[in-house]
Amino acid sequence: MTGDRKKIYICSPLSGNIEENIEKAKEHCRDVSLKGFLPIASHIYFTQFLDDNNSEERDIGMEMGLELLKLCDEVWVFGDKISEGMKKEIQFAKKLNIEIKYN
């Protein structure tokens, strides 16, 4: 099934309780994977080497995340609160006519 997996961009909060939110994002990635899709969670990846508390590095991470979002088939939104970063991702996906699903 190589190359056939739908790419799903994981849109979930990071700020606030960062450790808890990263764990939740990992759970979302697992669920998406077990459904047969390829999860893309830039906020888990880029925070491994960029400091989300540094505004310049956060902006770089957001820009790179939007580049990854361009490659995705759908955006899946998780959580009961939409953060500022999530709003940017959702608006960007709408601009590109990428399907958005709220979970």
N, C-alpha and C. Protein backbone atom coordinates (compact mmCIF):
# COMPACT_ATOMS: atom_id res chain seq x y z
N MET A 1 0.82 -1.20 0.00
CA MET A 1 0.00 0.00 0.00
C MET A 1 0.86 1.26 0.00
N THR A 2 2.12 1.13 -0.32
CA THR A 2 3.04 2.26 -0.32
C THR A 2 2.58 3.34 -1.28
N GLY A 3 2.59 4.59 -0.81
CA GLY A 3 2.21 5.72 -1.64
C GLY A 3 0.72 5.97 -1.74
N ASP A 4 -0.09 5.10 -1.17
CA ASP A 4 -1.54 5.24 -1.27
C ASP A 4 -2.18 5.86 -0.03
N ARG A 5 -1.42 6.05 1.01
CA ARG A 5 -1.99 6.55 2.25
C ARG A 5 -2.33 8.04 2.15
N LYS A 6 -3.53 8.36 2.57
CA LYS A 6 -3.96 9.74 2.64
C LYS A 6 -3.15 10.44 3.74
N LYS A 7 -2.64 11.63 3.44
CA LYS A 7 -1.86 12.40 4.41
C LYS A 7 -2.80 13.31 5.20
N ILE A 8 -2.79 13.13 6.53
CA ILE A 8 -3.68 13.87 7.41
C ILE A 8 -2.85 14.81 8.28
N TYR A 9 -3.11 16.10 8.16
CA TYR A 9 -2.43 17.09 8.99
C TYR A 9 -3.14 17.16 10.34
N ILE A 10 -2.39 16.96 11.41
CA ILE A 10 -2.94 16.99 12.76
C ILE A 10 -2.90 18.42 13.27
N CYS A 11 -4.07 18.99 13.49
CA CYS A 11 -4.21 20.36 13.99
C CYS A 11 -4.74 20.26 15.42
N SER A 12 -3.86 20.48 16.38
CA SER A 12 -4.25 20.41 17.79
C SER A 12 -3.40 21.41 18.57
N PRO A 13 -3.86 21.79 19.77
CA PRO A 13 -3.14 22.82 20.53
C PRO A 13 -1.77 22.35 21.00
N LEU A 14 -0.86 23.31 21.12
CA LEU A 14 0.45 23.05 21.70
C LEU A 14 0.64 23.88 22.96
N SER A 15 0.34 25.17 22.89
CA SER A 15 0.58 26.06 24.02
C SER A 15 -0.31 25.70 25.21
N GLY A 16 0.02 26.28 26.34
CA GLY A 16 -0.67 25.92 27.57
C GLY A 16 0.14 24.84 28.26
N ASN A 17 -0.45 23.69 28.44
CA ASN A 17 0.26 22.55 29.03
C ASN A 17 0.93 21.78 27.88
N ILE A 18 2.13 22.20 27.53
CA ILE A 18 2.82 21.68 26.34
C ILE A 18 3.02 20.17 26.41
N GLU A 19 3.51 19.68 27.55
CA GLU A 19 3.76 18.23 27.66
C GLU A 19 2.48 17.43 27.46
N GLU A 20 1.40 17.86 28.10
CA GLU A 20 0.11 17.16 27.96
C GLU A 20 -0.40 17.25 26.52
N ASN A 21 -0.25 18.42 25.91
CA ASN A 21 -0.74 18.60 24.53
C ASN A 21 0.07 17.78 23.53
N ILE A 22 1.36 17.62 23.77
CA ILE A 22 2.18 16.77 22.90
C ILE A 22 1.74 15.31 23.04
N GLU A 23 1.46 14.89 24.27
CA GLU A 23 0.99 13.51 24.47
C GLU A 23 -0.34 13.28 23.76
N LYS A 24 -1.24 14.26 23.84
CA LYS A 24 -2.53 14.14 23.14
C LYS A 24 -2.31 14.08 21.63
N ALA A 25 -1.40 14.90 21.12
CA ALA A 25 -1.11 14.90 19.68
C ALA A 25 -0.55 13.54 19.25
N LYS A 26 0.28 12.94 20.09
CA LYS A 26 0.81 11.60 19.79
C LYS A 26 -0.33 10.59 19.72
N GLU A 27 -1.30 10.71 20.63
CA GLU A 27 -2.47 9.81 20.60
C GLU A 27 -3.26 10.00 19.31
N HIS A 28 -3.42 11.25 18.89
CA HIS A 28 -4.13 11.53 17.63
C HIS A 28 -3.38 10.91 16.46
N CYS A 29 -2.06 11.02 16.47
CA CYS A 29 -1.25 10.43 15.40
C CYS A 29 -1.41 8.92 15.38
N ARG A 30 -1.41 8.32 16.54
CA ARG A 30 -1.60 6.86 16.63
C ARG A 30 -2.96 6.47 16.05
N ASP A 31 -4.01 7.18 16.46
CA ASP A 31 -5.36 6.87 15.97
C ASP A 31 -5.44 7.00 14.45
N VAL A 32 -4.86 8.07 13.92
CA VAL A 32 -4.86 8.30 12.47
C VAL A 32 -4.09 7.19 11.77
N SER A 33 -2.95 6.79 12.33
CA SER A 33 -2.15 5.71 11.75
C SER A 33 -2.91 4.39 11.73
N LEU A 34 -3.60 4.09 12.83
CA LEU A 34 -4.34 2.83 12.92
C LEU A 34 -5.55 2.80 11.99
N LYS A 35 -5.98 3.98 11.53
CA LYS A 35 -7.06 4.05 10.54
C LYS A 35 -6.52 3.91 9.12
N GLY A 36 -5.20 3.76 8.99
CA GLY A 36 -4.60 3.55 7.68
C GLY A 36 -4.11 4.80 6.99
N PHE A 37 -4.07 5.92 7.72
CA PHE A 37 -3.63 7.18 7.13
C PHE A 37 -2.23 7.55 7.64
N LEU A 38 -1.61 8.52 6.98
CA LEU A 38 -0.29 9.01 7.37
C LEU A 38 -0.46 10.33 8.13
N PRO A 39 -0.20 10.34 9.44
CA PRO A 39 -0.35 11.58 10.20
C PRO A 39 0.85 12.52 10.02
N ILE A 40 0.56 13.79 9.86
CA ILE A 40 1.59 14.82 9.80
C ILE A 40 1.31 15.77 10.96
N ALA A 41 2.19 15.77 11.96
CA ALA A 41 2.01 16.61 13.15
C ALA A 41 3.24 17.49 13.32
N SER A 42 3.26 18.60 12.62
CA SER A 42 4.45 19.45 12.61
C SER A 42 4.78 20.00 13.99
N HIS A 43 3.77 20.24 14.81
CA HIS A 43 4.04 20.82 16.13
C HIS A 43 4.75 19.84 17.07
N ILE A 44 4.64 18.55 16.80
CA ILE A 44 5.41 17.57 17.57
C ILE A 44 6.85 17.54 17.05
N TYR A 45 6.98 17.58 15.74
CA TYR A 45 8.30 17.46 15.11
C TYR A 45 9.18 18.70 15.35
N PHE A 46 8.68 19.87 14.98
CA PHE A 46 9.52 21.07 15.02
C PHE A 46 9.90 21.49 16.43
N THR A 47 9.08 21.17 17.42
CA THR A 47 9.43 21.53 18.79
C THR A 47 10.57 20.68 19.34
N GLN A 48 11.01 19.68 18.59
CA GLN A 48 12.17 18.89 19.01
C GLN A 48 13.47 19.69 18.86
N PHE A 49 13.47 20.69 17.96
CA PHE A 49 14.69 21.45 17.75
C PHE A 49 14.48 22.96 17.65
N LEU A 50 13.23 23.42 17.69
CA LEU A 50 12.93 24.85 17.74
C LEU A 50 12.23 25.15 19.06
N ASP A 51 12.52 26.33 19.63
CA ASP A 51 11.95 26.73 20.92
C ASP A 51 10.64 27.47 20.69
N ASP A 52 9.54 26.84 21.08
CA ASP A 52 8.22 27.43 20.89
C ASP A 52 8.02 28.68 21.76
N ASN A 53 8.85 28.87 22.77
CA ASN A 53 8.76 30.06 23.63
C ASN A 53 9.53 31.25 23.06
N ASN A 54 10.30 31.02 22.00
CA ASN A 54 11.03 32.07 21.31
C ASN A 54 10.19 32.45 20.09
N SER A 55 9.70 33.69 20.04
CA SER A 55 8.75 34.08 18.99
C SER A 55 9.32 33.91 17.58
N GLU A 56 10.60 34.19 17.40
CA GLU A 56 11.21 34.03 16.08
C GLU A 56 11.23 32.55 15.66
N GLU A 57 11.63 31.69 16.59
CA GLU A 57 11.67 30.26 16.29
C GLU A 57 10.26 29.68 16.12
N ARG A 58 9.31 30.19 16.90
CA ARG A 58 7.92 29.74 16.75
C ARG A 58 7.40 30.09 15.36
N ASP A 59 7.70 31.32 14.90
CA ASP A 59 7.27 31.74 13.56
C ASP A 59 7.89 30.85 12.48
N ILE A 60 9.16 30.50 12.64
CA ILE A 60 9.82 29.60 11.69
C ILE A 60 9.10 28.26 11.67
N GLY A 61 8.81 27.73 12.86
CA GLY A 61 8.09 26.46 12.96
C GLY A 61 6.72 26.52 12.32
N MET A 62 6.00 27.63 12.53
CA MET A 62 4.67 27.77 11.92
C MET A 62 4.78 27.81 10.39
N GLU A 63 5.75 28.55 9.87
CA GLU A 63 5.94 28.63 8.42
C GLU A 63 6.25 27.26 7.83
N MET A 64 7.13 26.52 8.49
CA MET A 64 7.48 25.20 7.98
C MET A 64 6.30 24.24 8.11
N GLY A 65 5.52 24.39 9.17
CA GLY A 65 4.32 23.57 9.33
C GLY A 65 3.33 23.81 8.21
N LEU A 66 3.18 25.06 7.80
CA LEU A 66 2.26 25.37 6.69
C LEU A 66 2.76 24.79 5.38
N GLU A 67 4.08 24.72 5.22
CA GLU A 67 4.64 24.06 4.03
C GLU A 67 4.26 22.58 4.01
N LEU A 68 4.31 21.93 5.17
CA LEU A 68 3.90 20.53 5.25
C LEU A 68 2.40 20.39 5.02
N LEU A 69 1.63 21.34 5.53
CA LEU A 69 0.18 21.29 5.35
C LEU A 69 -0.19 21.27 3.87
N LYS A 70 0.57 21.99 3.05
CA LYS A 70 0.32 22.02 1.60
C LYS A 70 0.34 20.62 0.98
N LEU A 71 1.09 19.71 1.58
CA LEU A 71 1.26 18.36 1.03
C LEU A 71 0.14 17.41 1.47
N CYS A 72 -0.72 17.87 2.37
CA CYS A 72 -1.71 16.98 2.98
C CYS A 72 -3.03 16.97 2.22
N ASP A 73 -3.74 15.85 2.38
CA ASP A 73 -5.05 15.68 1.75
C ASP A 73 -6.18 16.25 2.59
N GLU A 74 -6.01 16.18 3.90
CA GLU A 74 -7.04 16.67 4.83
C GLU A 74 -6.37 17.25 6.06
N VAL A 75 -7.11 18.10 6.77
CA VAL A 75 -6.70 18.60 8.08
C VAL A 75 -7.73 18.10 9.08
N TRP A 76 -7.25 17.45 10.12
CA TRP A 76 -8.14 16.99 11.19
C TRP A 76 -7.87 17.85 12.41
N VAL A 77 -8.91 18.50 12.90
CA VAL A 77 -8.80 19.41 14.04
C VAL A 77 -9.24 18.68 15.31
N PHE A 78 -8.40 18.75 16.33
CA PHE A 78 -8.68 18.08 17.61
C PHE A 78 -8.69 19.11 18.74
N GLY A 79 -9.48 18.83 19.76
CA GLY A 79 -9.52 19.68 20.94
C GLY A 79 -10.77 20.53 20.97
N ASP A 80 -11.10 21.00 22.17
CA ASP A 80 -12.31 21.79 22.33
C ASP A 80 -12.04 23.29 22.27
N LYS A 81 -10.78 23.65 22.09
CA LYS A 81 -10.39 25.06 22.00
C LYS A 81 -9.45 25.24 20.81
N ILE A 82 -9.69 26.27 20.02
CA ILE A 82 -8.85 26.56 18.85
C ILE A 82 -7.83 27.63 19.23
N SER A 83 -6.55 27.25 19.23
CA SER A 83 -5.48 28.21 19.56
C SER A 83 -5.21 29.13 18.36
N GLU A 84 -4.40 30.15 18.59
CA GLU A 84 -4.05 31.08 17.50
C GLU A 84 -3.32 30.35 16.38
N GLY A 85 -2.40 29.46 16.74
CA GLY A 85 -1.68 28.68 15.72
C GLY A 85 -2.61 27.80 14.92
N MET A 86 -3.57 27.19 15.61
CA MET A 86 -4.55 26.34 14.92
C MET A 86 -5.40 27.17 13.96
N LYS A 87 -5.77 28.39 14.38
CA LYS A 87 -6.56 29.27 13.51
C LYS A 87 -5.82 29.54 12.20
N LYS A 88 -4.50 29.80 12.31
CA LYS A 88 -3.69 30.04 11.11
C LYS A 88 -3.70 28.82 10.20
N GLU A 89 -3.55 27.64 10.79
CA GLU A 89 -3.53 26.41 10.00
C GLU A 89 -4.88 26.17 9.32
N ILE A 90 -5.96 26.40 10.03
CA ILE A 90 -7.30 26.20 9.48
C ILE A 90 -7.56 27.19 8.34
N GLN A 91 -7.21 28.46 8.56
CA GLN A 91 -7.39 29.47 7.51
C GLN A 91 -6.58 29.13 6.27
N PHE A 92 -5.35 28.67 6.48
CA PHE A 92 -4.48 28.30 5.37
C PHE A 92 -5.06 27.13 4.59
N ALA A 93 -5.57 26.13 5.30
CA ALA A 93 -6.18 24.97 4.65
C ALA A 93 -7.41 25.38 3.85
N LYS A 94 -8.21 26.29 4.39
CA LYS A 94 -9.40 26.78 3.66
C LYS A 94 -8.97 27.48 2.38
N LYS A 95 -7.92 28.29 2.47
CA LYS A 95 -7.41 29.02 1.30
C LYS A 95 -6.98 28.05 0.20
N LEU A 96 -6.45 26.88 0.60
CA LEU A 96 -5.98 25.87 -0.35
C LEU A 96 -7.06 24.86 -0.72
N ASN A 97 -8.27 25.05 -0.18
CA ASN A 97 -9.38 24.12 -0.41
C ASN A 97 -9.07 22.70 0.04
N ILE A 98 -8.34 22.59 1.14
CA ILE A 98 -8.05 21.29 1.74
C ILE A 98 -9.19 20.98 2.71
N GLU A 99 -9.71 19.77 2.62
CA GLU A 99 -10.83 19.37 3.47
C GLU A 99 -10.43 19.42 4.95
N ILE A 100 -11.34 19.94 5.77
CA ILE A 100 -11.11 20.06 7.21
C ILE A 100 -12.16 19.24 7.93
N LYS A 101 -11.71 18.40 8.87
CA LYS A 101 -12.63 17.60 9.68
C LYS A 101 -12.40 17.93 11.15
N TYR A 102 -13.48 18.22 11.85
CA TYR A 102 -13.41 18.52 13.27
C TYR A 102 -13.72 17.25 14.06
N ASN A 103 -12.81 16.86 14.95
CA ASN A 103 -12.95 15.62 15.72
C ASN A 103 -13.23 15.92 17.18
